[in-house]
Amino acid sequence: MTVSKDEANDVFLGLLRVQKLLVAARNTAPRLEDGIDVTAYPVLFVVAGAGTVRISEIATTLHNDVSTVSRQVSALVAVELLEKSADPNDGRASVVSMTERGREALDRIQASRAKWFQGLLSDWESPETAAFVARLRELGDVLDANLRARGAAPPPMPFHTTRQLQHQNQKED
C-alpha cells in the first residue's frame, strides 16, 4: 500500500523535529575533551572512517566549507587528536590522520554517546531497536538512490555503527 501524502508529511516533520532536537542536544552536551568544541567531533568521525584524508574531502563529506573544517582540524591538531602531514600525492596539500590520543578520545566520545542513547531508548526492546535501525537504513538507501537518480553525488558515509566496524575488523583479521 502506498504512503499517503499526510503520512509522508508526518515522516518529514518527524525527521525535521528529531534533527532540530539533535542539534539542540549537541549544543548542550557536556564537553568530553577539554578545549574541543562538540561541533568538531564529526571531523574525528570522518578521519576515523577514512584513515588519512585531505581537509577538502572532510569538508565535502560534512557538507561544510573548507575554512570551517580547516579551523576545526587545526584545533584537533593543537590538542594532538589529529596529525597533519604533506599529501604524498600533492606536496602543496595536507592530509590528516588520527593519533593514538585521537582514537582514545573517539572511543570516549562514542561510549558517552552510546550511554546517552541507551538512556533515551531504555523503554525500547531489542527487536524494536533493530527494526528501527533497519528502517532508518532503508530510508537512507532510498534517499541515496533518489539523489543518484537526480544526478547528485551523495556524500561519502564515514560514520559506521559499532557492529559495522566489528564486522569490518573481523573481515580484515
N, C-alpha and C. Protein backbone atom coordinates (compact mmCIF):
# COMPACT_ATOMS: atom_id res chain seq x y z
N MET A 1 0.84 -1.17 0.00
CA MET A 1 0.00 0.00 0.00
C MET A 1 0.89 1.25 0.00
N THR A 2 0.52 2.23 -0.73
CA THR A 2 1.28 3.46 -0.87
C THR A 2 1.09 4.37 0.35
N VAL A 3 2.15 5.04 0.70
CA VAL A 3 2.10 6.01 1.81
C VAL A 3 1.29 7.22 1.35
N SER A 4 0.39 7.68 2.18
CA SER A 4 -0.43 8.85 1.83
C SER A 4 0.40 10.13 1.92
N LYS A 5 -0.14 11.17 1.33
CA LYS A 5 0.50 12.49 1.38
C LYS A 5 0.67 12.95 2.84
N ASP A 6 -0.36 12.75 3.65
CA ASP A 6 -0.29 13.15 5.06
C ASP A 6 0.75 12.33 5.81
N GLU A 7 0.82 11.02 5.54
CA GLU A 7 1.81 10.16 6.20
C GLU A 7 3.23 10.58 5.79
N ALA A 8 3.42 10.85 4.51
CA ALA A 8 4.73 11.29 4.03
C ALA A 8 5.14 12.59 4.70
N ASN A 9 4.19 13.50 4.83
CA ASN A 9 4.46 14.77 5.50
C ASN A 9 4.78 14.55 6.98
N ASP A 10 4.07 13.63 7.62
CA ASP A 10 4.33 13.31 9.02
C ASP A 10 5.76 12.76 9.20
N VAL A 11 6.20 11.91 8.28
CA VAL A 11 7.57 11.39 8.35
C VAL A 11 8.56 12.54 8.23
N PHE A 12 8.35 13.41 7.25
CA PHE A 12 9.27 14.54 7.07
C PHE A 12 9.31 15.42 8.31
N LEU A 13 8.15 15.77 8.84
CA LEU A 13 8.10 16.64 10.01
C LEU A 13 8.71 15.97 11.24
N GLY A 14 8.49 14.66 11.37
CA GLY A 14 9.10 13.92 12.47
C GLY A 14 10.62 13.93 12.37
N LEU A 15 11.14 13.73 11.16
CA LEU A 15 12.59 13.77 10.97
C LEU A 15 13.15 15.17 11.20
N LEU A 16 12.42 16.18 10.74
CA LEU A 16 12.85 17.56 10.97
C LEU A 16 12.92 17.87 12.46
N ARG A 17 11.92 17.42 13.21
CA ARG A 17 11.91 17.63 14.66
C ARG A 17 13.11 16.94 15.32
N VAL A 18 13.34 15.68 14.93
CA VAL A 18 14.48 14.94 15.50
C VAL A 18 15.79 15.63 15.15
N GLN A 19 15.93 16.09 13.91
CA GLN A 19 17.15 16.79 13.51
C GLN A 19 17.38 18.02 14.38
N LYS A 20 16.35 18.81 14.59
CA LYS A 20 16.47 20.03 15.40
C LYS A 20 16.78 19.69 16.86
N LEU A 21 16.16 18.63 17.37
CA LEU A 21 16.44 18.23 18.75
C LEU A 21 17.86 17.70 18.90
N LEU A 22 18.37 16.99 17.90
CA LEU A 22 19.75 16.52 17.97
C LEU A 22 20.74 17.69 17.95
N VAL A 23 20.44 18.71 17.17
CA VAL A 23 21.30 19.90 17.15
C VAL A 23 21.26 20.57 18.52
N ALA A 24 20.08 20.70 19.10
CA ALA A 24 19.96 21.30 20.43
C ALA A 24 20.71 20.47 21.47
N ALA A 25 20.60 19.15 21.38
CA ALA A 25 21.30 18.27 22.32
C ALA A 25 22.81 18.42 22.15
N ARG A 26 23.27 18.51 20.92
CA ARG A 26 24.70 18.67 20.68
C ARG A 26 25.21 19.97 21.30
N ASN A 27 24.41 21.01 21.17
CA ASN A 27 24.84 22.32 21.68
C ASN A 27 24.84 22.39 23.20
N THR A 28 24.14 21.47 23.86
CA THR A 28 24.12 21.48 25.32
C THR A 28 24.85 20.27 25.91
N ALA A 29 25.48 19.49 25.05
CA ALA A 29 26.17 18.28 25.51
C ALA A 29 27.40 18.66 26.33
N PRO A 30 27.72 17.82 27.31
CA PRO A 30 28.94 18.09 28.08
C PRO A 30 30.17 17.95 27.19
N ARG A 31 31.17 18.73 27.48
CA ARG A 31 32.43 18.66 26.73
C ARG A 31 33.23 17.48 27.26
N LEU A 32 33.47 16.51 26.40
CA LEU A 32 34.19 15.32 26.82
C LEU A 32 35.70 15.48 26.71
N GLU A 33 36.10 16.37 25.83
CA GLU A 33 37.53 16.61 25.60
C GLU A 33 37.80 18.09 25.82
N ASP A 34 38.68 18.40 26.77
CA ASP A 34 38.99 19.79 27.06
C ASP A 34 39.45 20.52 25.81
N GLY A 35 38.89 21.71 25.62
CA GLY A 35 39.32 22.57 24.53
C GLY A 35 38.77 22.21 23.16
N ILE A 36 37.94 21.18 23.08
CA ILE A 36 37.39 20.78 21.79
C ILE A 36 35.89 20.98 21.79
N ASP A 37 35.44 21.76 20.84
CA ASP A 37 34.01 22.01 20.68
C ASP A 37 33.37 20.76 20.08
N VAL A 38 32.17 20.42 20.55
CA VAL A 38 31.48 19.23 20.04
C VAL A 38 31.22 19.32 18.54
N THR A 39 31.20 20.53 17.99
CA THR A 39 30.98 20.66 16.55
C THR A 39 32.15 20.11 15.74
N ALA A 40 33.31 19.92 16.39
CA ALA A 40 34.46 19.34 15.70
C ALA A 40 34.48 17.82 15.76
N TYR A 41 33.62 17.23 16.57
CA TYR A 41 33.60 15.76 16.69
C TYR A 41 33.35 15.07 15.35
N PRO A 42 32.44 15.57 14.50
CA PRO A 42 32.25 14.89 13.22
C PRO A 42 33.54 14.79 12.38
N VAL A 43 34.43 15.75 12.55
CA VAL A 43 35.72 15.67 11.84
C VAL A 43 36.46 14.41 12.29
N LEU A 44 36.44 14.15 13.59
CA LEU A 44 37.08 12.93 14.10
C LEU A 44 36.45 11.68 13.51
N PHE A 45 35.12 11.67 13.41
CA PHE A 45 34.43 10.51 12.86
C PHE A 45 34.83 10.28 11.41
N VAL A 46 34.92 11.35 10.64
CA VAL A 46 35.30 11.22 9.23
C VAL A 46 36.72 10.69 9.11
N VAL A 47 37.64 11.26 9.87
CA VAL A 47 39.04 10.83 9.79
C VAL A 47 39.16 9.38 10.25
N ALA A 48 38.44 9.00 11.29
CA ALA A 48 38.48 7.62 11.76
C ALA A 48 38.00 6.67 10.67
N GLY A 49 36.96 7.06 9.93
CA GLY A 49 36.43 6.21 8.87
C GLY A 49 37.31 6.18 7.64
N ALA A 50 38.00 7.29 7.37
CA ALA A 50 38.79 7.39 6.14
C ALA A 50 40.24 6.98 6.32
N GLY A 51 40.75 7.07 7.52
CA GLY A 51 42.17 6.78 7.75
C GLY A 51 42.98 8.04 7.59
N THR A 52 43.43 8.29 6.39
CA THR A 52 44.15 9.52 6.05
C THR A 52 43.35 10.24 4.99
N VAL A 53 43.11 11.53 5.20
CA VAL A 53 42.18 12.24 4.33
C VAL A 53 42.56 13.72 4.21
N ARG A 54 42.27 14.28 3.06
CA ARG A 54 42.50 15.72 2.84
C ARG A 54 41.39 16.52 3.52
N ILE A 55 41.74 17.72 3.94
CA ILE A 55 40.77 18.60 4.60
C ILE A 55 39.60 18.89 3.67
N SER A 56 39.87 19.09 2.40
CA SER A 56 38.78 19.37 1.45
C SER A 56 37.81 18.20 1.35
N GLU A 57 38.32 16.97 1.49
CA GLU A 57 37.44 15.80 1.45
C GLU A 57 36.58 15.71 2.72
N ILE A 58 37.16 16.11 3.84
CA ILE A 58 36.38 16.15 5.09
C ILE A 58 35.24 17.16 4.93
N ALA A 59 35.56 18.32 4.39
CA ALA A 59 34.56 19.37 4.19
C ALA A 59 33.44 18.88 3.28
N THR A 60 33.79 18.21 2.20
CA THR A 60 32.78 17.67 1.29
C THR A 60 31.90 16.66 1.98
N THR A 61 32.50 15.77 2.73
CA THR A 61 31.75 14.74 3.43
C THR A 61 30.78 15.34 4.44
N LEU A 62 31.22 16.38 5.13
CA LEU A 62 30.39 17.01 6.16
C LEU A 62 29.49 18.12 5.63
N HIS A 63 29.55 18.37 4.32
CA HIS A 63 28.77 19.45 3.72
C HIS A 63 29.08 20.77 4.42
N ASN A 64 30.37 21.04 4.58
CA ASN A 64 30.81 22.24 5.26
C ASN A 64 31.85 22.94 4.40
N ASP A 65 32.12 24.20 4.70
CA ASP A 65 33.13 24.90 3.91
C ASP A 65 34.52 24.55 4.45
N VAL A 66 35.49 24.63 3.55
CA VAL A 66 36.86 24.22 3.86
C VAL A 66 37.44 25.06 4.99
N SER A 67 37.13 26.36 5.03
CA SER A 67 37.71 27.21 6.08
C SER A 67 37.26 26.79 7.47
N THR A 68 35.99 26.41 7.61
CA THR A 68 35.48 25.94 8.91
C THR A 68 36.16 24.65 9.30
N VAL A 69 36.23 23.71 8.38
CA VAL A 69 36.85 22.42 8.68
C VAL A 69 38.34 22.60 8.95
N SER A 70 38.98 23.50 8.24
CA SER A 70 40.40 23.76 8.46
C SER A 70 40.64 24.26 9.89
N ARG A 71 39.77 25.14 10.38
CA ARG A 71 39.89 25.63 11.76
C ARG A 71 39.66 24.50 12.75
N GLN A 72 38.67 23.65 12.47
CA GLN A 72 38.41 22.53 13.36
C GLN A 72 39.58 21.55 13.37
N VAL A 73 40.14 21.28 12.21
CA VAL A 73 41.31 20.40 12.12
C VAL A 73 42.47 21.00 12.89
N SER A 74 42.70 22.29 12.73
CA SER A 74 43.80 22.95 13.45
C SER A 74 43.63 22.81 14.96
N ALA A 75 42.38 22.96 15.44
CA ALA A 75 42.12 22.81 16.88
C ALA A 75 42.39 21.37 17.32
N LEU A 76 42.01 20.40 16.50
CA LEU A 76 42.23 18.99 16.83
C LEU A 76 43.71 18.62 16.75
N VAL A 77 44.43 19.23 15.84
CA VAL A 77 45.88 19.02 15.76
C VAL A 77 46.56 19.62 16.98
N ALA A 78 46.10 20.81 17.40
CA ALA A 78 46.71 21.50 18.54
C ALA A 78 46.63 20.69 19.83
N VAL A 79 45.56 19.90 19.97
CA VAL A 79 45.42 19.07 21.17
C VAL A 79 45.83 17.62 20.90
N GLU A 80 46.49 17.42 19.79
CA GLU A 80 47.10 16.15 19.41
C GLU A 80 46.11 15.00 19.23
N LEU A 81 44.89 15.32 18.77
CA LEU A 81 43.93 14.27 18.43
C LEU A 81 44.08 13.86 16.96
N LEU A 82 44.55 14.81 16.15
CA LEU A 82 44.85 14.55 14.75
C LEU A 82 46.28 14.99 14.48
N GLU A 83 46.86 14.41 13.42
CA GLU A 83 48.16 14.89 12.97
C GLU A 83 48.06 15.25 11.50
N LYS A 84 48.76 16.30 11.12
CA LYS A 84 48.73 16.80 9.76
C LYS A 84 50.08 16.52 9.13
N SER A 85 50.04 16.12 7.86
CA SER A 85 51.27 15.89 7.11
C SER A 85 51.05 16.27 5.66
N ALA A 86 52.14 16.34 4.91
CA ALA A 86 52.04 16.68 3.49
C ALA A 86 51.39 15.53 2.74
N ASP A 87 50.55 15.87 1.79
CA ASP A 87 49.92 14.86 0.95
C ASP A 87 50.99 14.24 0.06
N PRO A 88 51.20 12.93 0.13
CA PRO A 88 52.24 12.31 -0.68
C PRO A 88 52.00 12.43 -2.19
N ASN A 89 50.74 12.66 -2.58
CA ASN A 89 50.40 12.80 -4.00
C ASN A 89 50.48 14.24 -4.48
N ASP A 90 50.47 15.19 -3.54
CA ASP A 90 50.50 16.61 -3.90
C ASP A 90 51.07 17.36 -2.70
N GLY A 91 52.35 17.64 -2.73
CA GLY A 91 53.04 18.28 -1.62
C GLY A 91 52.48 19.63 -1.21
N ARG A 92 51.68 20.24 -2.08
CA ARG A 92 51.08 21.54 -1.73
C ARG A 92 49.91 21.38 -0.77
N ALA A 93 49.33 20.20 -0.74
CA ALA A 93 48.15 19.95 0.10
C ALA A 93 48.56 19.17 1.35
N SER A 94 47.66 19.17 2.32
CA SER A 94 47.88 18.43 3.56
C SER A 94 46.85 17.34 3.71
N VAL A 95 47.24 16.31 4.44
CA VAL A 95 46.32 15.25 4.84
C VAL A 95 46.36 15.17 6.35
N VAL A 96 45.28 14.64 6.93
CA VAL A 96 45.24 14.46 8.37
C VAL A 96 44.91 13.00 8.67
N SER A 97 45.39 12.57 9.81
CA SER A 97 45.10 11.21 10.28
C SER A 97 44.95 11.26 11.80
N MET A 98 44.39 10.20 12.32
CA MET A 98 44.10 10.10 13.74
C MET A 98 45.38 9.73 14.50
N THR A 99 45.58 10.35 15.65
CA THR A 99 46.66 9.94 16.54
C THR A 99 46.12 8.91 17.52
N GLU A 100 47.00 8.29 18.27
CA GLU A 100 46.54 7.35 19.30
C GLU A 100 45.66 8.07 20.31
N ARG A 101 46.06 9.27 20.67
CA ARG A 101 45.25 10.07 21.60
C ARG A 101 43.88 10.37 20.98
N GLY A 102 43.85 10.59 19.68
CA GLY A 102 42.59 10.82 18.98
C GLY A 102 41.69 9.61 19.01
N ARG A 103 42.28 8.42 18.82
CA ARG A 103 41.50 7.18 18.87
C ARG A 103 40.89 6.98 20.26
N GLU A 104 41.70 7.28 21.28
CA GLU A 104 41.21 7.17 22.65
C GLU A 104 40.07 8.16 22.91
N ALA A 105 40.23 9.37 22.41
CA ALA A 105 39.18 10.38 22.57
C ALA A 105 37.91 9.95 21.84
N LEU A 106 38.07 9.43 20.64
CA LEU A 106 36.92 8.96 19.87
C LEU A 106 36.21 7.82 20.60
N ASP A 107 36.97 6.92 21.20
CA ASP A 107 36.36 5.84 21.99
C ASP A 107 35.53 6.41 23.14
N ARG A 108 36.05 7.43 23.82
CA ARG A 108 35.31 8.05 24.93
C ARG A 108 34.04 8.74 24.42
N ILE A 109 34.16 9.42 23.30
CA ILE A 109 33.01 10.11 22.71
C ILE A 109 31.93 9.10 22.33
N GLN A 110 32.34 8.02 21.67
CA GLN A 110 31.37 7.02 21.25
C GLN A 110 30.75 6.30 22.44
N ALA A 111 31.53 6.04 23.47
CA ALA A 111 30.99 5.40 24.67
C ALA A 111 29.96 6.30 25.35
N SER A 112 30.28 7.59 25.42
CA SER A 112 29.35 8.55 26.03
C SER A 112 28.07 8.64 25.21
N ARG A 113 28.21 8.70 23.90
CA ARG A 113 27.04 8.78 23.02
C ARG A 113 26.18 7.53 23.17
N ALA A 114 26.83 6.35 23.21
CA ALA A 114 26.08 5.09 23.36
C ALA A 114 25.33 5.07 24.68
N LYS A 115 25.98 5.53 25.75
CA LYS A 115 25.33 5.55 27.07
C LYS A 115 24.12 6.48 27.06
N TRP A 116 24.27 7.64 26.41
CA TRP A 116 23.19 8.60 26.32
C TRP A 116 22.01 7.98 25.56
N PHE A 117 22.29 7.37 24.41
CA PHE A 117 21.22 6.75 23.63
C PHE A 117 20.61 5.56 24.36
N GLN A 118 21.41 4.81 25.12
CA GLN A 118 20.85 3.72 25.92
C GLN A 118 19.82 4.28 26.89
N GLY A 119 20.12 5.41 27.50
CA GLY A 119 19.16 6.05 28.41
C GLY A 119 17.91 6.50 27.69
N LEU A 120 18.08 7.10 26.50
CA LEU A 120 16.93 7.55 25.73
C LEU A 120 16.04 6.38 25.32
N LEU A 121 16.66 5.26 25.02
CA LEU A 121 15.94 4.11 24.49
C LEU A 121 15.68 3.04 25.56
N SER A 122 15.74 3.42 26.82
CA SER A 122 15.64 2.44 27.90
C SER A 122 14.31 1.67 27.90
N ASP A 123 13.27 2.24 27.35
CA ASP A 123 11.98 1.56 27.30
C ASP A 123 11.80 0.73 26.02
N TRP A 124 12.77 0.77 25.13
CA TRP A 124 12.67 0.02 23.88
C TRP A 124 13.18 -1.39 24.09
N GLU A 125 12.57 -2.32 23.41
CA GLU A 125 13.05 -3.70 23.40
C GLU A 125 14.05 -3.85 22.26
N SER A 126 14.95 -4.79 22.40
CA SER A 126 15.98 -5.01 21.38
C SER A 126 15.39 -5.22 19.98
N PRO A 127 14.34 -6.04 19.83
CA PRO A 127 13.78 -6.21 18.48
C PRO A 127 13.22 -4.91 17.89
N GLU A 128 12.63 -4.07 18.76
CA GLU A 128 12.12 -2.77 18.29
C GLU A 128 13.27 -1.91 17.78
N THR A 129 14.36 -1.91 18.53
CA THR A 129 15.52 -1.12 18.15
C THR A 129 16.10 -1.61 16.84
N ALA A 130 16.23 -2.92 16.69
CA ALA A 130 16.75 -3.49 15.45
C ALA A 130 15.85 -3.15 14.27
N ALA A 131 14.54 -3.20 14.48
CA ALA A 131 13.60 -2.85 13.40
C ALA A 131 13.72 -1.37 13.04
N PHE A 132 13.86 -0.52 14.05
CA PHE A 132 14.02 0.91 13.81
C PHE A 132 15.28 1.19 13.01
N VAL A 133 16.39 0.57 13.40
CA VAL A 133 17.66 0.76 12.70
C VAL A 133 17.52 0.28 11.25
N ALA A 134 16.87 -0.85 11.07
CA ALA A 134 16.67 -1.38 9.71
C ALA A 134 15.86 -0.39 8.87
N ARG A 135 14.83 0.18 9.44
CA ARG A 135 14.01 1.14 8.69
C ARG A 135 14.79 2.42 8.41
N LEU A 136 15.61 2.86 9.36
CA LEU A 136 16.46 4.04 9.11
C LEU A 136 17.41 3.77 7.94
N ARG A 137 18.01 2.58 7.92
CA ARG A 137 18.90 2.22 6.81
C ARG A 137 18.14 2.20 5.49
N GLU A 138 16.93 1.66 5.50
CA GLU A 138 16.11 1.63 4.29
C GLU A 138 15.83 3.05 3.81
N LEU A 139 15.49 3.94 4.75
CA LEU A 139 15.24 5.33 4.38
C LEU A 139 16.50 5.95 3.79
N GLY A 140 17.65 5.69 4.42
CA GLY A 140 18.91 6.18 3.87
C GLY A 140 19.17 5.65 2.48
N ASP A 141 18.87 4.38 2.27
CA ASP A 141 19.08 3.78 0.95
C ASP A 141 18.20 4.42 -0.12
N VAL A 142 16.91 4.67 0.20
CA VAL A 142 16.05 5.29 -0.81
C VAL A 142 16.42 6.74 -1.03
N LEU A 143 16.89 7.44 0.01
CA LEU A 143 17.38 8.81 -0.20
C LEU A 143 18.61 8.82 -1.09
N ASP A 144 19.51 7.88 -0.85
CA ASP A 144 20.71 7.76 -1.67
C ASP A 144 20.34 7.48 -3.13
N ALA A 145 19.44 6.51 -3.35
CA ALA A 145 19.02 6.17 -4.71
C ALA A 145 18.35 7.35 -5.39
N ASN A 146 17.54 8.12 -4.63
CA ASN A 146 16.87 9.28 -5.20
C ASN A 146 17.87 10.34 -5.62
N LEU A 147 18.87 10.58 -4.78
CA LEU A 147 19.90 11.56 -5.13
C LEU A 147 20.65 11.13 -6.38
N ARG A 148 21.02 9.86 -6.44
CA ARG A 148 21.73 9.35 -7.62
C ARG A 148 20.88 9.46 -8.88
N ALA A 149 19.59 9.15 -8.76
CA ALA A 149 18.69 9.22 -9.91
C ALA A 149 18.56 10.65 -10.43
N ARG A 150 18.71 11.61 -9.53
CA ARG A 150 18.63 13.02 -9.94
C ARG A 150 19.99 13.57 -10.36
N GLY A 151 21.01 12.70 -10.39
CA GLY A 151 22.33 13.12 -10.85
C GLY A 151 23.21 13.71 -9.78
N ALA A 152 22.74 13.72 -8.55
CA ALA A 152 23.54 14.28 -7.46
C ALA A 152 24.47 13.20 -6.92
N ALA A 153 25.64 13.62 -6.51
CA ALA A 153 26.58 12.68 -5.90
C ALA A 153 26.33 12.69 -4.40
N PRO A 154 25.82 11.60 -3.86
CA PRO A 154 25.60 11.57 -2.42
C PRO A 154 26.93 11.62 -1.68
N PRO A 155 26.91 12.15 -0.47
CA PRO A 155 28.16 12.25 0.28
C PRO A 155 28.67 10.88 0.68
N PRO A 156 29.98 10.76 0.85
CA PRO A 156 30.51 9.51 1.39
C PRO A 156 29.95 9.30 2.80
N MET A 157 29.83 8.08 3.21
CA MET A 157 29.28 7.76 4.52
C MET A 157 30.40 7.28 5.44
N PRO A 158 31.02 8.21 6.19
CA PRO A 158 32.14 7.83 7.03
C PRO A 158 31.73 7.30 8.39
N PHE A 159 30.45 7.42 8.70
CA PHE A 159 30.00 7.07 10.03
C PHE A 159 29.58 5.61 10.05
N HIS A 160 30.25 4.82 10.84
CA HIS A 160 29.96 3.39 10.93
C HIS A 160 29.36 3.08 12.29
N THR A 161 28.48 2.10 12.30
CA THR A 161 27.98 1.63 13.58
C THR A 161 29.06 0.75 14.20
N THR A 162 28.97 0.54 15.48
CA THR A 162 29.92 -0.32 16.17
C THR A 162 29.91 -1.71 15.54
N ARG A 163 28.73 -2.22 15.23
CA ARG A 163 28.62 -3.54 14.62
C ARG A 163 29.28 -3.57 13.24
N GLN A 164 29.09 -2.51 12.45
CA GLN A 164 29.73 -2.46 11.13
C GLN A 164 31.24 -2.48 11.27
N LEU A 165 31.77 -1.72 12.23
CA LEU A 165 33.22 -1.69 12.43
C LEU A 165 33.73 -3.04 12.91
N GLN A 166 32.99 -3.70 13.82
CA GLN A 166 33.40 -5.01 14.29
C GLN A 166 33.41 -6.01 13.15
N HIS A 167 32.38 -5.97 12.30
CA HIS A 167 32.29 -6.88 11.16
C HIS A 167 33.44 -6.62 10.19
N GLN A 168 33.73 -5.34 9.95
CA GLN A 168 34.83 -4.96 9.05
C GLN A 168 36.16 -5.44 9.61
N ASN A 169 36.38 -5.26 10.90
CA ASN A 169 37.62 -5.70 11.53
C ASN A 169 37.78 -7.22 11.48
N GLN A 170 36.65 -7.96 11.64
CA GLN A 170 36.70 -9.41 11.55
C GLN A 170 37.10 -9.86 10.17
N LYS A 171 36.62 -9.16 9.13
CA LYS A 171 36.98 -9.49 7.75
C LYS A 171 38.46 -9.31 7.51
N GLU A 172 39.04 -8.25 8.11
CA GLU A 172 40.45 -7.94 7.91
C GLU A 172 41.36 -8.91 8.64
N ASP A 173 40.89 -9.54 9.73
CA ASP A 173 41.71 -10.46 10.53
C ASP A 173 41.91 -11.79 9.88
